[in-house]
Amino acid sequence: MSLGLGIVLFVIGAILAFALNLTVDWVNLQLVGYILMIAGAIVIILGIVLLARRRRSISTSQTSVDPATGSRVTRNEHSAPEDPTTL
């Protein structure tokens, strides 16, 4: 989602900065285009960083002896991120 938003911001900013030849007295559309392009690039970079962080997983395995029964107890924990396609 954030990658798509970043691309949309960048494209709208590029259109305002380079393709639109319109003058408005109260706002500089070229400056707004550059600002949107910078914001889009930041959103794309943050989206890539968050996707890279989301793929990490933690796996822990612990084996111990239960003193009451004398049997071995194995405890496995696996922590993985949720599937991003289900969000």
N, C-alpha and C. Protein backbone atom coordinates (compact mmCIF):
# COMPACT_ATOMS: atom_id res chain seq x y z
N MET A 1 0.83 -1.19 0.00
CA MET A 1 0.00 0.00 0.00
C MET A 1 0.87 1.25 0.00
N SER A 2 1.89 1.27 0.83
CA SER A 2 2.72 2.47 0.91
C SER A 2 3.54 2.67 -0.36
N LEU A 3 3.92 1.57 -1.00
CA LEU A 3 4.66 1.71 -2.26
C LEU A 3 3.77 2.34 -3.32
N GLY A 4 2.53 1.91 -3.38
CA GLY A 4 1.60 2.48 -4.35
C GLY A 4 1.32 3.95 -4.09
N LEU A 5 1.16 4.31 -2.82
CA LEU A 5 0.95 5.71 -2.46
C LEU A 5 2.16 6.55 -2.84
N GLY A 6 3.35 6.04 -2.59
CA GLY A 6 4.57 6.77 -2.95
C GLY A 6 4.67 6.99 -4.45
N ILE A 7 4.33 5.97 -5.21
CA ILE A 7 4.40 6.10 -6.67
C ILE A 7 3.38 7.11 -7.16
N VAL A 8 2.17 7.07 -6.59
CA VAL A 8 1.12 8.03 -6.99
C VAL A 8 1.54 9.46 -6.67
N LEU A 9 2.09 9.67 -5.47
CA LEU A 9 2.55 11.02 -5.11
C LEU A 9 3.66 11.49 -6.05
N PHE A 10 4.57 10.60 -6.36
CA PHE A 10 5.68 10.97 -7.23
C PHE A 10 5.19 11.32 -8.63
N VAL A 11 4.25 10.54 -9.16
CA VAL A 11 3.73 10.79 -10.51
C VAL A 11 2.94 12.10 -10.56
N ILE A 12 2.09 12.34 -9.57
CA ILE A 12 1.34 13.60 -9.54
C ILE A 12 2.29 14.79 -9.41
N GLY A 13 3.31 14.63 -8.59
CA GLY A 13 4.31 15.70 -8.45
C GLY A 13 5.06 15.96 -9.74
N ALA A 14 5.40 14.90 -10.47
CA ALA A 14 6.10 15.06 -11.74
C ALA A 14 5.21 15.74 -12.78
N ILE A 15 3.93 15.41 -12.77
CA ILE A 15 3.01 16.07 -13.69
C ILE A 15 2.90 17.55 -13.36
N LEU A 16 2.77 17.87 -12.09
CA LEU A 16 2.67 19.28 -11.71
C LEU A 16 3.97 20.04 -12.00
N ALA A 17 5.10 19.39 -11.80
CA ALA A 17 6.38 20.08 -11.95
C ALA A 17 6.81 20.23 -13.41
N PHE A 18 6.55 19.22 -14.23
CA PHE A 18 7.12 19.23 -15.56
C PHE A 18 6.11 19.34 -16.71
N ALA A 19 4.92 18.76 -16.56
CA ALA A 19 4.01 18.68 -17.69
C ALA A 19 2.94 19.76 -17.71
N LEU A 20 2.64 20.32 -16.57
CA LEU A 20 1.56 21.29 -16.49
C LEU A 20 2.11 22.69 -16.73
N ASN A 21 1.55 23.38 -17.69
CA ASN A 21 1.98 24.74 -18.00
C ASN A 21 0.83 25.69 -17.67
N LEU A 22 0.59 25.83 -16.39
CA LEU A 22 -0.52 26.63 -15.90
C LEU A 22 -0.01 27.54 -14.79
N THR A 23 -0.44 28.78 -14.80
CA THR A 23 -0.01 29.73 -13.79
C THR A 23 -1.19 30.09 -12.90
N VAL A 24 -1.01 29.92 -11.62
CA VAL A 24 -2.01 30.30 -10.63
C VAL A 24 -1.37 31.34 -9.73
N ASP A 25 -2.10 32.41 -9.43
CA ASP A 25 -1.52 33.52 -8.67
C ASP A 25 -1.21 33.17 -7.22
N TRP A 26 -2.00 32.35 -6.62
CA TRP A 26 -1.87 32.11 -5.18
C TRP A 26 -1.02 30.91 -4.81
N VAL A 27 -0.57 30.11 -5.78
CA VAL A 27 0.28 28.96 -5.46
C VAL A 27 1.22 28.69 -6.64
N ASN A 28 2.43 28.27 -6.31
CA ASN A 28 3.40 27.89 -7.33
C ASN A 28 3.28 26.39 -7.56
N LEU A 29 2.65 25.98 -8.66
CA LEU A 29 2.39 24.57 -8.92
C LEU A 29 3.67 23.77 -9.14
N GLN A 30 4.69 24.41 -9.67
CA GLN A 30 5.96 23.71 -9.87
C GLN A 30 6.59 23.34 -8.53
N LEU A 31 6.53 24.25 -7.56
CA LEU A 31 7.06 23.97 -6.23
C LEU A 31 6.25 22.87 -5.54
N VAL A 32 4.93 22.92 -5.68
CA VAL A 32 4.09 21.87 -5.11
C VAL A 32 4.43 20.52 -5.75
N GLY A 33 4.70 20.51 -7.03
CA GLY A 33 5.10 19.28 -7.71
C GLY A 33 6.39 18.71 -7.16
N TYR A 34 7.38 19.59 -6.95
CA TYR A 34 8.64 19.12 -6.37
C TYR A 34 8.44 18.58 -4.95
N ILE A 35 7.61 19.24 -4.17
CA ILE A 35 7.34 18.78 -2.80
C ILE A 35 6.66 17.41 -2.83
N LEU A 36 5.70 17.23 -3.73
CA LEU A 36 5.03 15.92 -3.84
C LEU A 36 5.99 14.83 -4.30
N MET A 37 6.92 15.18 -5.20
CA MET A 37 7.90 14.18 -5.64
C MET A 37 8.82 13.77 -4.49
N ILE A 38 9.23 14.71 -3.69
CA ILE A 38 10.08 14.38 -2.52
C ILE A 38 9.29 13.53 -1.53
N ALA A 39 8.04 13.91 -1.26
CA ALA A 39 7.21 13.13 -0.34
C ALA A 39 6.99 11.72 -0.87
N GLY A 40 6.78 11.59 -2.17
CA GLY A 40 6.61 10.26 -2.77
C GLY A 40 7.85 9.41 -2.63
N ALA A 41 9.02 10.01 -2.83
CA ALA A 41 10.28 9.27 -2.69
C ALA A 41 10.47 8.81 -1.24
N ILE A 42 10.12 9.67 -0.28
CA ILE A 42 10.25 9.29 1.14
C ILE A 42 9.30 8.15 1.48
N VAL A 43 8.07 8.22 0.98
CA VAL A 43 7.10 7.15 1.25
C VAL A 43 7.55 5.84 0.62
N ILE A 44 8.12 5.88 -0.56
CA ILE A 44 8.62 4.66 -1.21
C ILE A 44 9.76 4.06 -0.38
N ILE A 45 10.69 4.88 0.06
CA ILE A 45 11.81 4.38 0.87
C ILE A 45 11.32 3.79 2.18
N LEU A 46 10.39 4.47 2.86
CA LEU A 46 9.84 3.94 4.10
C LEU A 46 9.07 2.64 3.87
N GLY A 47 8.37 2.55 2.76
CA GLY A 47 7.65 1.32 2.44
C GLY A 47 8.60 0.15 2.23
N ILE A 48 9.71 0.38 1.55
CA ILE A 48 10.69 -0.68 1.34
C ILE A 48 11.31 -1.11 2.66
N VAL A 49 11.63 -0.14 3.52
CA VAL A 49 12.21 -0.47 4.83
C VAL A 49 11.22 -1.27 5.66
N LEU A 50 9.95 -0.88 5.68
CA LEU A 50 8.96 -1.62 6.46
C LEU A 50 8.72 -3.02 5.90
N LEU A 51 8.75 -3.17 4.59
CA LEU A 51 8.62 -4.51 4.02
C LEU A 51 9.80 -5.40 4.39
N ALA A 52 10.99 -4.83 4.43
CA ALA A 52 12.18 -5.61 4.80
C ALA A 52 12.11 -6.02 6.27
N ARG A 53 11.60 -5.15 7.13
CA ARG A 53 11.49 -5.48 8.55
C ARG A 53 10.41 -6.51 8.80
N ARG A 54 9.37 -6.52 8.00
CA ARG A 54 8.23 -7.40 8.20
C ARG A 54 8.59 -8.85 7.92
N ARG A 55 9.62 -9.12 7.17
CA ARG A 55 9.96 -10.48 6.76
C ARG A 55 10.82 -11.22 7.77
N ARG A 56 11.21 -10.59 8.84
CA ARG A 56 12.02 -11.27 9.85
C ARG A 56 11.15 -12.24 10.65
N SER A 57 11.77 -13.31 11.11
CA SER A 57 11.05 -14.26 11.96
C SER A 57 11.97 -14.70 13.09
N ILE A 58 11.35 -15.11 14.19
CA ILE A 58 12.09 -15.55 15.37
C ILE A 58 11.65 -16.97 15.69
N SER A 59 12.60 -17.85 15.90
CA SER A 59 12.30 -19.24 16.23
C SER A 59 13.08 -19.61 17.48
N THR A 60 12.38 -20.16 18.49
CA THR A 60 13.01 -20.54 19.75
C THR A 60 12.63 -21.97 20.07
N SER A 61 13.60 -22.77 20.46
CA SER A 61 13.35 -24.15 20.87
C SER A 61 14.01 -24.37 22.22
N GLN A 62 13.26 -24.96 23.15
CA GLN A 62 13.78 -25.18 24.50
C GLN A 62 13.37 -26.57 24.95
N THR A 63 14.33 -27.32 25.45
CA THR A 63 14.06 -28.67 25.96
C THR A 63 14.43 -28.71 27.43
N SER A 64 13.52 -29.25 28.25
CA SER A 64 13.78 -29.37 29.67
C SER A 64 13.18 -30.67 30.19
N VAL A 65 13.52 -31.02 31.42
CA VAL A 65 13.01 -32.24 32.04
C VAL A 65 11.99 -31.83 33.10
N ASP A 66 10.81 -32.46 33.02
CA ASP A 66 9.77 -32.19 34.00
C ASP A 66 10.10 -32.96 35.27
N PRO A 67 10.30 -32.27 36.41
CA PRO A 67 10.72 -32.98 37.62
C PRO A 67 9.64 -33.91 38.18
N ALA A 68 8.39 -33.64 37.94
CA ALA A 68 7.33 -34.48 38.50
C ALA A 68 7.25 -35.82 37.80
N THR A 69 7.35 -35.83 36.50
CA THR A 69 7.21 -37.09 35.76
C THR A 69 8.54 -37.64 35.27
N GLY A 70 9.56 -36.83 35.23
CA GLY A 70 10.85 -37.27 34.74
C GLY A 70 10.93 -37.33 33.22
N SER A 71 9.93 -36.81 32.54
CA SER A 71 9.93 -36.86 31.08
C SER A 71 10.44 -35.54 30.52
N ARG A 72 10.88 -35.61 29.27
CA ARG A 72 11.37 -34.42 28.60
C ARG A 72 10.20 -33.61 28.04
N VAL A 73 10.34 -32.31 28.16
CA VAL A 73 9.34 -31.40 27.63
C VAL A 73 10.03 -30.50 26.63
N THR A 74 9.51 -30.47 25.44
CA THR A 74 10.07 -29.62 24.39
C THR A 74 9.08 -28.52 24.08
N ARG A 75 9.57 -27.33 24.10
CA ARG A 75 8.73 -26.15 23.83
C ARG A 75 9.28 -25.44 22.60
N ASN A 76 8.45 -25.29 21.60
CA ASN A 76 8.83 -24.62 20.37
C ASN A 76 8.00 -23.36 20.20
N GLU A 77 8.65 -22.26 19.89
CA GLU A 77 7.96 -21.01 19.60
C GLU A 77 8.43 -20.51 18.25
N HIS A 78 7.50 -20.09 17.45
CA HIS A 78 7.83 -19.52 16.15
C HIS A 78 7.04 -18.24 15.98
N SER A 79 7.72 -17.17 15.86
CA SER A 79 7.06 -15.87 15.69
C SER A 79 7.37 -15.35 14.30
N ALA A 80 6.35 -15.34 13.46
CA ALA A 80 6.50 -14.85 12.09
C ALA A 80 5.47 -13.73 11.88
N PRO A 81 5.77 -12.80 11.03
CA PRO A 81 4.81 -11.72 10.77
C PRO A 81 3.59 -12.25 10.05
N GLU A 82 2.51 -11.49 10.14
CA GLU A 82 1.30 -11.86 9.44
C GLU A 82 1.52 -11.74 7.94
N ASP A 83 0.75 -12.48 7.20
CA ASP A 83 0.83 -12.45 5.75
C ASP A 83 0.34 -11.08 5.26
N PRO A 84 1.19 -10.30 4.56
CA PRO A 84 0.78 -8.96 4.14
C PRO A 84 -0.36 -8.98 3.13
N THR A 85 -0.63 -10.13 2.50
CA THR A 85 -1.72 -10.17 1.54
C THR A 85 -3.07 -10.26 2.23
N THR A 86 -3.08 -10.66 3.53
CA THR A 86 -4.34 -10.76 4.25
C THR A 86 -4.70 -9.48 4.96
N LEU A 87 -3.82 -8.50 4.99
CA LEU A 87 -4.11 -7.25 5.70
C LEU A 87 -5.05 -6.38 4.96
